Amino acid sequence: MTSAVLSPSNELLSAVRRVMSQPLLGIAEALSELLRPLIPHTALVIFTEDCTGRPQKKAGLAEIIDNVTIAELDVIRGTAAGRESVELDDTVIGGSRRRTLVWSADTTAILVLVDVDAGASPAGVLADVAAIWQLIALSIRQQVVTASPSYLAESRALSSDRASLVADLTDTHATDLESILVTLRSQKHGDAAARQGAVELASAAMVRLRAVSDRHRALAEEPVHSAFERLRDDLAPLVRYGDLAVEFIAPPAAGRPLPGEVAHAARAIVRGAVLALVDNAEVNRVRIQWDCDGANLLIAIRDNGAGDLHTDLPALKQLSARVAVLDGSFVVDSTDGWGSEMHIVLPLDVAPPAVNISDAGGLTPREKDVLAHVAEGRRNRIIAGELSISENTVKFHVANILHKMGVTSRAELVALVRSQPAGD
């Protein structure tokens, strides 16, 4: 009898485990397959801020998942806030109004099933899905923390591209709307009431547009002090229930905002470092310090152990790989009997593409030397000193390079060189 009762539960747990074992990009499809027999649906959408590069994870009808927006998901999450699960009879998702079921997780992530009939599903099923979603949401957060360097690199590139695209779209649409406002406010037009109504509509559209832009920026950036406080919260259980005393030295509150990938990676790196230290019985005190110099996030982690840490340890190798993805540096200083200190530097900006001038057509060897310095942003006086030539000679070479490369300014020249594919 016991076996008969537990068998369905074991089967469900095995299915949930299979979903949790999927890579981040496969979770939505696997979860949709698991839930479809329980609650039929045409699309599934996950919205999680743990993944700054891909906050949406989707499966189902292309007409829905290809058109769903963060603005729509923000509205849905706000409507479902504070409730484990909620049915929305008429909500906009994918650009059209559809019936949805929404579940919220403790991580603030939401699960949305589209085109559902909640009335056909017993209350017990909805509760089971809520429990399953809590596990999946926690799994997503954990996967982000331990994500491979390749996923982290791709996530950062996606976030950078998204932020740039949103900024361009915002400027374009804002300009259009401002032009409409100027036209509609003109006294040359009649029907004042209609004009006033149009002004109000256009003004509201601008507010919504700015809200979308702000929302994307919130996903792409995080204030440095907020990121540090989240780290403090993450490590609270170790401090509260463990034998480790942790001293937190917070960064200045006015520091530059961190890109989302840097904030997530920094917290994951520090958590990994602290967990590695916890395994060392000789360590009972750790100091964690963050600072920001405007271009880099600076992290220092010091312990009171035996001073035998080194970067060849397996746990630290993994952390070093994550740092390397962000073009950062990871150094461990250890002194026998005095403890160890990890120094981590994470650049806040994506490094520019590698400059390739090996096949710059028609340039002399000296002109290629000058071009290499110009592409690095150096001024004529610095180039002259580096190459032991006069500044006038540098100007002469630069003029020849501009002519041969078919551009009219140094900025165009740098952009052209950096756009060259590797190996060209």
Protein backbone atom coordinates (compact mmCIF):
# COMPACT_ATOMS: atom_id res chain seq x y z
CA MET A 1 0.00 0.00 0.00
CA THR A 2 2.80 2.40 0.87
CA SER A 3 4.49 1.75 -2.45
CA ALA A 4 1.29 2.44 -4.37
CA VAL A 5 0.85 5.77 -2.60
CA LEU A 6 4.42 6.90 -3.13
CA SER A 7 4.77 5.76 -6.75
CA PRO A 8 3.02 8.76 -8.37
CA SER A 9 4.99 11.14 -6.13
CA ASN A 10 8.25 9.47 -7.04
CA GLU A 11 7.36 9.71 -10.73
CA LEU A 12 6.57 13.40 -10.39
CA LEU A 13 9.75 14.07 -8.44
CA SER A 14 11.78 12.29 -11.11
CA ALA A 15 10.13 14.44 -13.79
CA VAL A 16 10.87 17.62 -11.83
CA ARG A 17 14.45 16.52 -11.38
CA ARG A 18 14.77 16.06 -15.15
CA VAL A 19 13.56 19.63 -15.67
CA MET A 20 15.99 20.97 -13.06
CA SER A 21 18.86 19.12 -14.71
CA GLN A 22 18.27 20.89 -18.03
CA PRO A 23 20.63 23.70 -19.08
CA LEU A 24 19.24 27.19 -18.58
CA LEU A 25 18.20 27.47 -22.21
CA GLY A 26 16.26 24.18 -22.09
CA ILE A 27 14.29 24.62 -18.87
CA ALA A 28 11.23 26.30 -20.42
CA GLU A 29 10.66 23.56 -23.00
CA ALA A 30 11.16 20.78 -20.45
CA LEU A 31 8.84 22.45 -17.93
CA SER A 32 6.18 22.97 -20.60
CA GLU A 33 6.28 19.27 -21.46
CA LEU A 34 5.92 18.37 -17.79
CA LEU A 35 2.95 20.69 -17.15
CA ARG A 36 1.02 20.24 -20.42
CA PRO A 37 -0.78 17.04 -19.29
CA LEU A 38 -1.73 18.75 -16.02
CA ILE A 39 -2.75 22.11 -17.47
CA PRO A 40 -3.03 22.35 -21.27
CA HIS A 41 -1.48 25.54 -22.65
CA THR A 42 -0.16 26.97 -25.90
CA ALA A 43 2.89 28.77 -24.49
CA LEU A 44 4.99 28.94 -21.34
CA VAL A 45 7.02 31.98 -20.30
CA ILE A 46 9.45 32.31 -17.40
CA PHE A 47 10.53 35.78 -16.32
CA THR A 48 13.50 35.90 -13.92
CA GLU A 49 15.85 38.73 -13.10
CA ASP A 50 18.52 36.25 -12.07
CA CYS A 51 19.42 35.97 -15.78
CA THR A 52 20.21 39.49 -16.93
CA GLY A 53 21.16 38.39 -20.44
CA ARG A 54 18.06 36.25 -20.99
CA PRO A 55 15.44 37.22 -18.39
CA GLN A 56 12.77 35.48 -20.50
CA LYS A 57 12.76 31.72 -21.06
CA LYS A 58 9.99 30.61 -23.43
CA ALA A 59 8.41 27.62 -25.14
CA GLY A 60 5.32 27.19 -27.31
CA LEU A 61 3.58 29.09 -30.11
CA ALA A 62 5.96 31.35 -32.00
CA GLU A 63 3.30 34.06 -32.39
CA ILE A 64 3.30 34.41 -28.60
CA ILE A 65 6.87 33.78 -27.50
CA ASP A 66 8.38 35.84 -30.31
CA ASN A 67 6.37 38.90 -29.32
CA VAL A 68 6.18 38.81 -25.52
CA THR A 69 7.89 41.82 -23.91
CA ILE A 70 9.38 42.61 -20.54
CA ALA A 71 6.86 45.44 -20.16
CA GLU A 72 4.00 42.93 -20.50
CA LEU A 73 5.62 40.57 -17.99
CA ASP A 74 6.17 43.43 -15.56
CA VAL A 75 2.44 44.19 -15.62
CA ILE A 76 1.59 40.50 -15.14
CA ARG A 77 4.00 40.17 -12.23
CA GLY A 78 2.57 43.26 -10.58
CA THR A 79 -0.94 41.88 -10.93
CA ALA A 80 0.07 38.52 -9.44
CA ALA A 81 2.24 39.96 -6.65
CA GLY A 82 1.59 38.49 -3.22
CA ARG A 83 -0.37 35.51 -4.52
CA GLU A 84 0.93 31.99 -5.04
CA SER A 85 -1.08 31.52 -8.23
CA VAL A 86 -3.62 33.66 -10.05
CA GLU A 87 -5.76 33.34 -13.16
CA LEU A 88 -5.90 36.38 -15.42
CA ASP A 89 -8.90 36.19 -17.73
CA ASP A 90 -7.90 38.96 -20.10
CA THR A 91 -4.25 40.02 -19.99
CA VAL A 92 -1.93 41.20 -22.76
CA ILE A 93 0.93 38.86 -23.58
CA GLY A 94 2.67 38.54 -26.92
CA GLY A 95 0.76 41.59 -28.15
CA SER A 96 -2.75 40.13 -27.73
CA ARG A 97 -5.23 39.50 -24.91
CA ARG A 98 -5.23 35.92 -23.64
CA ARG A 99 -6.25 33.91 -20.59
CA THR A 100 -3.22 33.09 -18.45
CA LEU A 101 -2.25 31.37 -15.23
CA VAL A 102 0.58 32.93 -13.25
CA TRP A 103 2.67 31.58 -10.38
CA SER A 104 5.10 33.67 -8.32
CA ALA A 105 8.24 32.27 -6.68
CA ASP A 106 10.14 33.43 -3.62
CA THR A 107 12.94 34.49 -5.98
CA THR A 108 10.46 37.03 -7.55
CA ALA A 109 10.50 35.00 -10.79
CA ILE A 110 7.14 34.27 -12.41
CA LEU A 111 5.81 31.37 -14.45
CA VAL A 112 3.11 32.16 -17.03
CA LEU A 113 0.98 29.59 -18.87
CA VAL A 114 -0.92 31.03 -21.82
CA ASP A 115 -4.35 30.05 -23.22
CA VAL A 116 -5.45 27.96 -20.24
CA ASP A 117 -8.71 26.93 -18.64
CA ALA A 118 -7.94 27.07 -14.93
CA GLY A 119 -11.47 26.00 -14.06
CA ALA A 120 -10.76 22.62 -15.60
CA SER A 121 -7.81 22.04 -13.25
CA PRO A 122 -8.41 20.89 -9.66
CA ALA A 123 -7.13 23.15 -6.90
CA GLY A 124 -4.67 20.43 -5.94
CA VAL A 125 -3.04 20.59 -9.35
CA LEU A 126 -2.56 24.35 -9.06
CA ALA A 127 -0.95 23.85 -5.65
CA ASP A 128 1.34 21.12 -7.05
CA VAL A 129 2.45 23.42 -9.88
CA ALA A 130 3.14 26.17 -7.32
CA ALA A 131 5.42 23.81 -5.39
CA ILE A 132 7.13 22.64 -8.57
CA TRP A 133 7.68 26.24 -9.68
CA GLN A 134 9.35 27.14 -6.38
CA LEU A 135 11.87 24.33 -6.95
CA ILE A 136 12.47 25.28 -10.59
CA ALA A 137 12.93 28.96 -9.74
CA LEU A 138 15.51 28.10 -7.08
CA SER A 139 17.21 25.80 -9.58
CA ILE A 140 17.45 28.64 -12.12
CA ARG A 141 19.02 30.92 -9.53
CA GLN A 142 21.53 28.25 -8.58
CA GLN A 143 22.40 27.55 -12.21
CA VAL A 144 23.07 31.23 -12.81
CA VAL A 145 25.38 31.28 -9.79
CA THR A 146 27.35 28.30 -11.11
CA ALA A 147 26.90 29.02 -14.81
CA SER A 148 29.72 28.08 -17.15
CA PRO A 149 32.07 30.81 -18.31
CA SER A 150 30.68 30.52 -21.85
CA TYR A 151 27.11 31.19 -20.68
CA LEU A 152 28.31 34.14 -18.60
CA ALA A 153 30.17 35.60 -21.57
CA GLU A 154 27.14 35.21 -23.84
CA SER A 155 24.85 36.69 -21.18
CA ARG A 156 27.04 39.73 -20.83
CA ALA A 157 27.17 40.26 -24.58
CA LEU A 158 23.38 39.95 -24.84
CA SER A 159 22.84 42.45 -22.05
CA SER A 160 25.21 44.92 -23.63
CA ASP A 161 23.51 44.58 -27.01
CA ARG A 162 20.07 44.87 -25.42
CA ALA A 163 20.97 48.00 -23.49
CA SER A 164 22.36 49.63 -26.62
CA LEU A 165 19.32 48.65 -28.69
CA VAL A 166 16.87 49.91 -26.07
CA ALA A 167 18.73 53.20 -25.81
CA ASP A 168 18.53 53.66 -29.59
CA LEU A 169 14.83 52.76 -29.70
CA THR A 170 14.08 55.06 -26.80
CA ASP A 171 15.79 58.02 -28.43
CA THR A 172 14.07 57.34 -31.77
CA HIS A 173 10.56 57.00 -30.37
CA ALA A 174 11.00 59.87 -27.94
CA THR A 175 12.01 62.12 -30.82
CA ASP A 176 8.96 61.03 -32.80
CA LEU A 177 6.61 61.65 -29.92
CA GLU A 178 8.15 65.01 -29.12
CA SER A 179 7.64 66.01 -32.76
CA ILE A 180 3.99 64.98 -32.51
CA LEU A 181 3.58 67.07 -29.40
CA VAL A 182 5.10 70.11 -31.06
CA THR A 183 2.78 69.70 -34.04
CA LEU A 184 -0.35 69.16 -31.99
CA ARG A 185 0.36 72.09 -29.71
CA SER A 186 0.60 74.43 -32.69
CA GLN A 187 -2.04 77.17 -32.75
CA LYS A 188 -2.37 76.72 -36.51
CA HIS A 189 -4.65 73.71 -35.99
CA GLY A 190 -8.32 73.87 -35.09
CA ASP A 191 -10.48 71.78 -32.79
CA ALA A 192 -8.80 72.52 -29.50
CA ALA A 193 -10.49 69.65 -27.71
CA ALA A 194 -9.19 67.05 -30.16
CA ARG A 195 -5.75 68.58 -29.99
CA GLN A 196 -5.78 68.42 -26.20
CA GLY A 197 -6.81 64.81 -26.27
CA ALA A 198 -4.03 63.95 -28.72
CA VAL A 199 -1.51 65.77 -26.53
CA GLU A 200 -2.56 63.74 -23.51
CA LEU A 201 -2.34 60.48 -25.42
CA ALA A 202 1.10 61.29 -26.78
CA SER A 203 2.30 62.39 -23.34
CA ALA A 204 1.10 59.14 -21.80
CA ALA A 205 2.87 57.18 -24.56
CA MET A 206 6.11 58.96 -23.75
CA VAL A 207 5.73 58.09 -20.06
CA ARG A 208 5.19 54.43 -20.91
CA LEU A 209 8.16 54.43 -23.27
CA ARG A 210 10.43 55.90 -20.62
CA ALA A 211 9.14 53.32 -18.14
CA VAL A 212 10.11 50.50 -20.50
CA SER A 213 13.55 52.02 -20.96
CA ASP A 214 14.00 52.38 -17.20
CA ARG A 215 12.91 48.78 -16.71
CA HIS A 216 15.49 47.51 -19.18
CA ARG A 217 18.17 49.60 -17.49
CA ALA A 218 17.14 48.16 -14.12
CA LEU A 219 17.73 44.68 -15.53
CA ALA A 220 21.05 45.68 -17.07
CA GLU A 221 22.43 47.63 -14.08
CA GLU A 222 22.45 47.40 -10.31
CA PRO A 223 23.72 50.04 -7.82
CA VAL A 224 26.95 48.83 -6.28
CA HIS A 225 25.71 49.27 -2.70
CA SER A 226 22.52 47.30 -3.48
CA ALA A 227 24.55 44.49 -5.04
CA PHE A 228 26.70 44.37 -1.90
CA GLU A 229 23.66 44.26 0.39
CA ARG A 230 22.29 41.34 -1.61
CA LEU A 231 25.62 39.57 -1.08
CA ARG A 232 25.34 40.23 2.66
CA ASP A 233 21.85 38.68 2.65
CA ASP A 234 23.11 35.66 0.67
CA LEU A 235 25.81 34.99 3.25
CA ALA A 236 23.59 35.65 6.27
CA PRO A 237 22.92 31.92 6.95
CA LEU A 238 26.67 31.24 7.17
CA VAL A 239 27.08 34.08 9.62
CA ARG A 240 23.98 33.21 11.65
CA TYR A 241 24.27 29.43 11.85
CA GLY A 242 27.90 28.68 11.07
CA ASP A 243 31.14 29.11 12.97
CA LEU A 244 32.43 31.72 10.53
CA ALA A 245 32.66 35.36 11.57
CA VAL A 246 32.34 37.59 8.50
CA GLU A 247 33.24 41.28 8.44
CA PHE A 248 31.63 43.24 5.60
CA ILE A 249 33.23 46.47 4.38
CA ALA A 250 30.72 48.10 2.05
CA PRO A 251 31.59 50.15 -1.04
CA PRO A 252 30.72 53.86 -1.25
CA ALA A 253 27.00 54.36 -1.78
CA ALA A 254 27.64 56.74 -4.67
CA GLY A 255 29.70 54.28 -6.70
CA ARG A 256 29.02 53.67 -10.38
CA PRO A 257 26.19 51.15 -11.07
CA LEU A 258 27.37 47.65 -11.91
CA PRO A 259 26.35 45.89 -15.13
CA GLY A 260 23.96 43.08 -14.22
CA GLU A 261 26.40 40.34 -15.23
CA VAL A 262 29.17 41.88 -13.12
CA ALA A 263 26.89 42.15 -10.08
CA HIS A 264 25.70 38.54 -10.41
CA ALA A 265 29.19 37.22 -11.11
CA ALA A 266 30.71 39.19 -8.22
CA ARG A 267 28.24 37.76 -5.73
CA ALA A 268 28.74 34.24 -7.10
CA ILE A 269 32.52 34.58 -6.93
CA VAL A 270 32.47 35.83 -3.35
CA ARG A 271 30.01 33.12 -2.29
CA GLY A 272 32.21 30.48 -3.91
CA ALA A 273 35.30 31.86 -2.21
CA VAL A 274 33.63 31.93 1.21
CA LEU A 275 32.32 28.38 0.78
CA ALA A 276 35.84 27.26 -0.12
CA LEU A 277 37.11 28.88 3.07
CA VAL A 278 34.39 27.27 5.18
CA ASP A 279 35.83 23.86 4.26
CA ASN A 280 39.08 24.92 5.91
CA ALA A 281 38.81 24.14 9.61
CA GLU A 282 41.55 26.65 10.44
CA VAL A 283 39.55 29.60 9.10
CA ASN A 284 37.01 31.21 11.43
CA ARG A 285 37.21 34.86 10.38
CA VAL A 286 36.79 36.40 6.92
CA ARG A 287 36.77 40.01 5.78
CA ILE A 288 34.97 40.92 2.56
CA GLN A 289 35.55 44.34 1.04
CA TRP A 290 34.14 45.88 -2.14
CA ASP A 291 35.18 49.12 -3.77
CA CYS A 292 34.68 50.73 -7.16
CA ASP A 293 37.17 52.99 -8.92
CA GLY A 294 34.75 54.00 -11.67
CA ALA A 295 36.09 51.48 -14.18
CA ASN A 296 36.40 48.32 -12.09
CA LEU A 297 34.76 46.53 -9.18
CA LEU A 298 37.52 45.77 -6.66
CA ILE A 299 36.99 42.81 -4.34
CA ALA A 300 39.23 41.74 -1.46
CA ILE A 301 38.57 38.61 0.62
CA ARG A 302 40.91 37.96 3.55
CA ASP A 303 40.96 35.02 5.99
CA ASN A 304 42.84 34.17 9.18
CA GLY A 305 43.85 30.67 8.09
CA ALA A 306 47.20 29.00 7.66
CA GLY A 307 48.10 31.01 4.57
CA ASP A 308 48.15 28.05 2.23
CA LEU A 309 45.61 29.12 -0.42
CA HIS A 310 46.72 29.14 -4.06
CA THR A 311 44.99 29.49 -7.42
CA ASP A 312 45.64 25.85 -8.39
CA LEU A 313 43.06 24.62 -5.89
CA PRO A 314 40.02 23.22 -7.79
CA ALA A 315 37.54 25.54 -6.08
CA LEU A 316 39.63 28.61 -6.88
CA LYS A 317 40.27 27.48 -10.46
CA GLN A 318 36.54 27.65 -11.14
CA LEU A 319 36.32 31.13 -9.64
CA SER A 320 39.33 32.25 -11.67
CA ALA A 321 37.61 31.04 -14.86
CA ARG A 322 34.54 33.15 -14.09
CA VAL A 323 36.75 36.18 -13.49
CA ALA A 324 38.59 35.58 -16.76
CA VAL A 325 35.30 35.63 -18.71
CA LEU A 326 34.77 39.21 -17.56
CA ASP A 327 38.36 40.13 -18.54
CA GLY A 328 39.19 40.51 -14.87
CA SER A 329 42.13 39.46 -12.72
CA PHE A 330 42.29 37.03 -9.80
CA VAL A 331 45.32 37.01 -7.50
CA VAL A 332 45.87 35.15 -4.22
CA ASP A 333 48.46 36.39 -1.72
CA SER A 334 49.27 33.93 1.07
CA THR A 335 51.68 34.14 3.98
CA ASP A 336 52.42 31.10 6.13
CA GLY A 337 50.74 31.49 9.47
CA TRP A 338 49.15 34.84 8.59
CA GLY A 339 46.30 33.92 6.29
CA SER A 340 45.47 34.51 2.65
CA GLU A 341 43.89 37.35 0.68
CA MET A 342 42.14 37.14 -2.67
CA HIS A 343 42.26 40.23 -4.87
CA ILE A 344 39.68 40.31 -7.67
CA VAL A 345 39.27 43.05 -10.27
CA LEU A 346 36.18 42.99 -12.52
CA PRO A 347 36.01 45.58 -15.34
CA LEU A 348 32.63 47.28 -15.61
CA ASP A 349 32.80 47.76 -19.37
CA VAL A 350 33.09 45.17 -22.12
CA ALA A 351 36.54 45.24 -23.63
CA PRO A 352 36.66 46.66 -27.17
CA PRO A 353 37.21 44.21 -30.00
CA ALA A 354 40.79 43.20 -30.61
CA VAL A 355 42.54 45.48 -33.05
CA ASN A 356 43.79 43.72 -36.15
CA ILE A 357 46.08 45.58 -38.49
CA SER A 358 48.08 42.67 -39.89
CA ASP A 359 46.46 43.02 -43.31
CA ALA A 360 45.82 46.76 -43.50
CA GLY A 361 46.18 47.08 -47.24
CA GLY A 362 48.82 49.35 -48.73
CA LEU A 363 50.37 50.54 -45.46
CA THR A 364 54.11 50.60 -44.89
CA PRO A 365 55.53 48.85 -41.78
CA ARG A 366 55.98 52.22 -40.05
CA GLU A 367 52.42 53.26 -40.91
CA LYS A 368 51.17 50.01 -39.39
CA ASP A 369 53.14 50.82 -36.23
CA VAL A 370 51.47 54.23 -36.05
CA LEU A 371 48.04 52.74 -36.80
CA ALA A 372 48.41 50.28 -33.91
CA HIS A 373 48.91 53.19 -31.51
CA VAL A 374 46.11 55.26 -33.02
CA ALA A 375 43.73 52.31 -32.68
CA GLU A 376 44.56 52.17 -28.97
CA GLY A 377 43.47 55.79 -28.60
CA ARG A 378 46.92 57.31 -28.11
CA ARG A 379 47.60 60.91 -29.11
CA ASN A 380 50.35 62.02 -31.50
CA ARG A 381 52.73 63.17 -28.77
CA ILE A 382 52.56 59.78 -27.01
CA ILE A 383 53.00 57.91 -30.29
CA ALA A 384 56.04 60.00 -31.15
CA GLY A 385 57.65 59.13 -27.82
CA GLU A 386 56.88 55.41 -28.18
CA LEU A 387 58.29 55.21 -31.71
CA SER A 388 61.16 57.68 -31.17
CA ILE A 389 60.05 59.93 -34.01
CA SER A 390 58.90 63.53 -34.14
CA GLU A 391 55.30 64.55 -33.61
CA ASN A 392 55.23 66.08 -37.10
CA THR A 393 56.31 62.74 -38.54
CA VAL A 394 53.43 61.05 -36.69
CA LYS A 395 51.00 63.60 -38.18
CA PHE A 396 52.42 62.88 -41.65
CA HIS A 397 51.94 59.12 -41.19
CA VAL A 398 48.40 59.57 -39.84
CA ALA A 399 47.43 61.69 -42.85
CA ASN A 400 48.75 59.00 -45.20
CA ILE A 401 46.90 56.26 -43.29
CA LEU A 402 43.61 58.18 -43.45
CA HIS A 403 44.01 58.60 -47.21
CA LYS A 404 44.94 54.95 -47.83
CA MET A 405 42.14 53.60 -45.62
CA GLY A 406 39.54 55.88 -47.23
CA VAL A 407 38.39 57.66 -44.04
CA THR A 408 38.45 61.29 -42.96
CA SER A 409 38.95 61.16 -39.17
CA ARG A 410 40.78 59.23 -36.48
CA ALA A 411 37.45 58.08 -35.04
CA GLU A 412 36.40 56.55 -38.37
CA LEU A 413 39.82 54.95 -38.65
CA VAL A 414 39.58 53.31 -35.22
CA ALA A 415 36.04 52.08 -35.92
CA LEU A 416 37.14 50.61 -39.26
CA VAL A 417 40.14 48.80 -37.79
CA ARG A 418 38.21 47.38 -34.83
CA SER A 419 35.47 46.09 -37.12
CA GLN A 420 37.94 43.87 -38.95
CA PRO A 421 37.28 40.15 -38.24
CA ALA A 422 40.01 38.28 -36.45
CA GLY A 423 42.62 37.00 -38.84
CA ASP A 424 41.88 39.61 -41.55
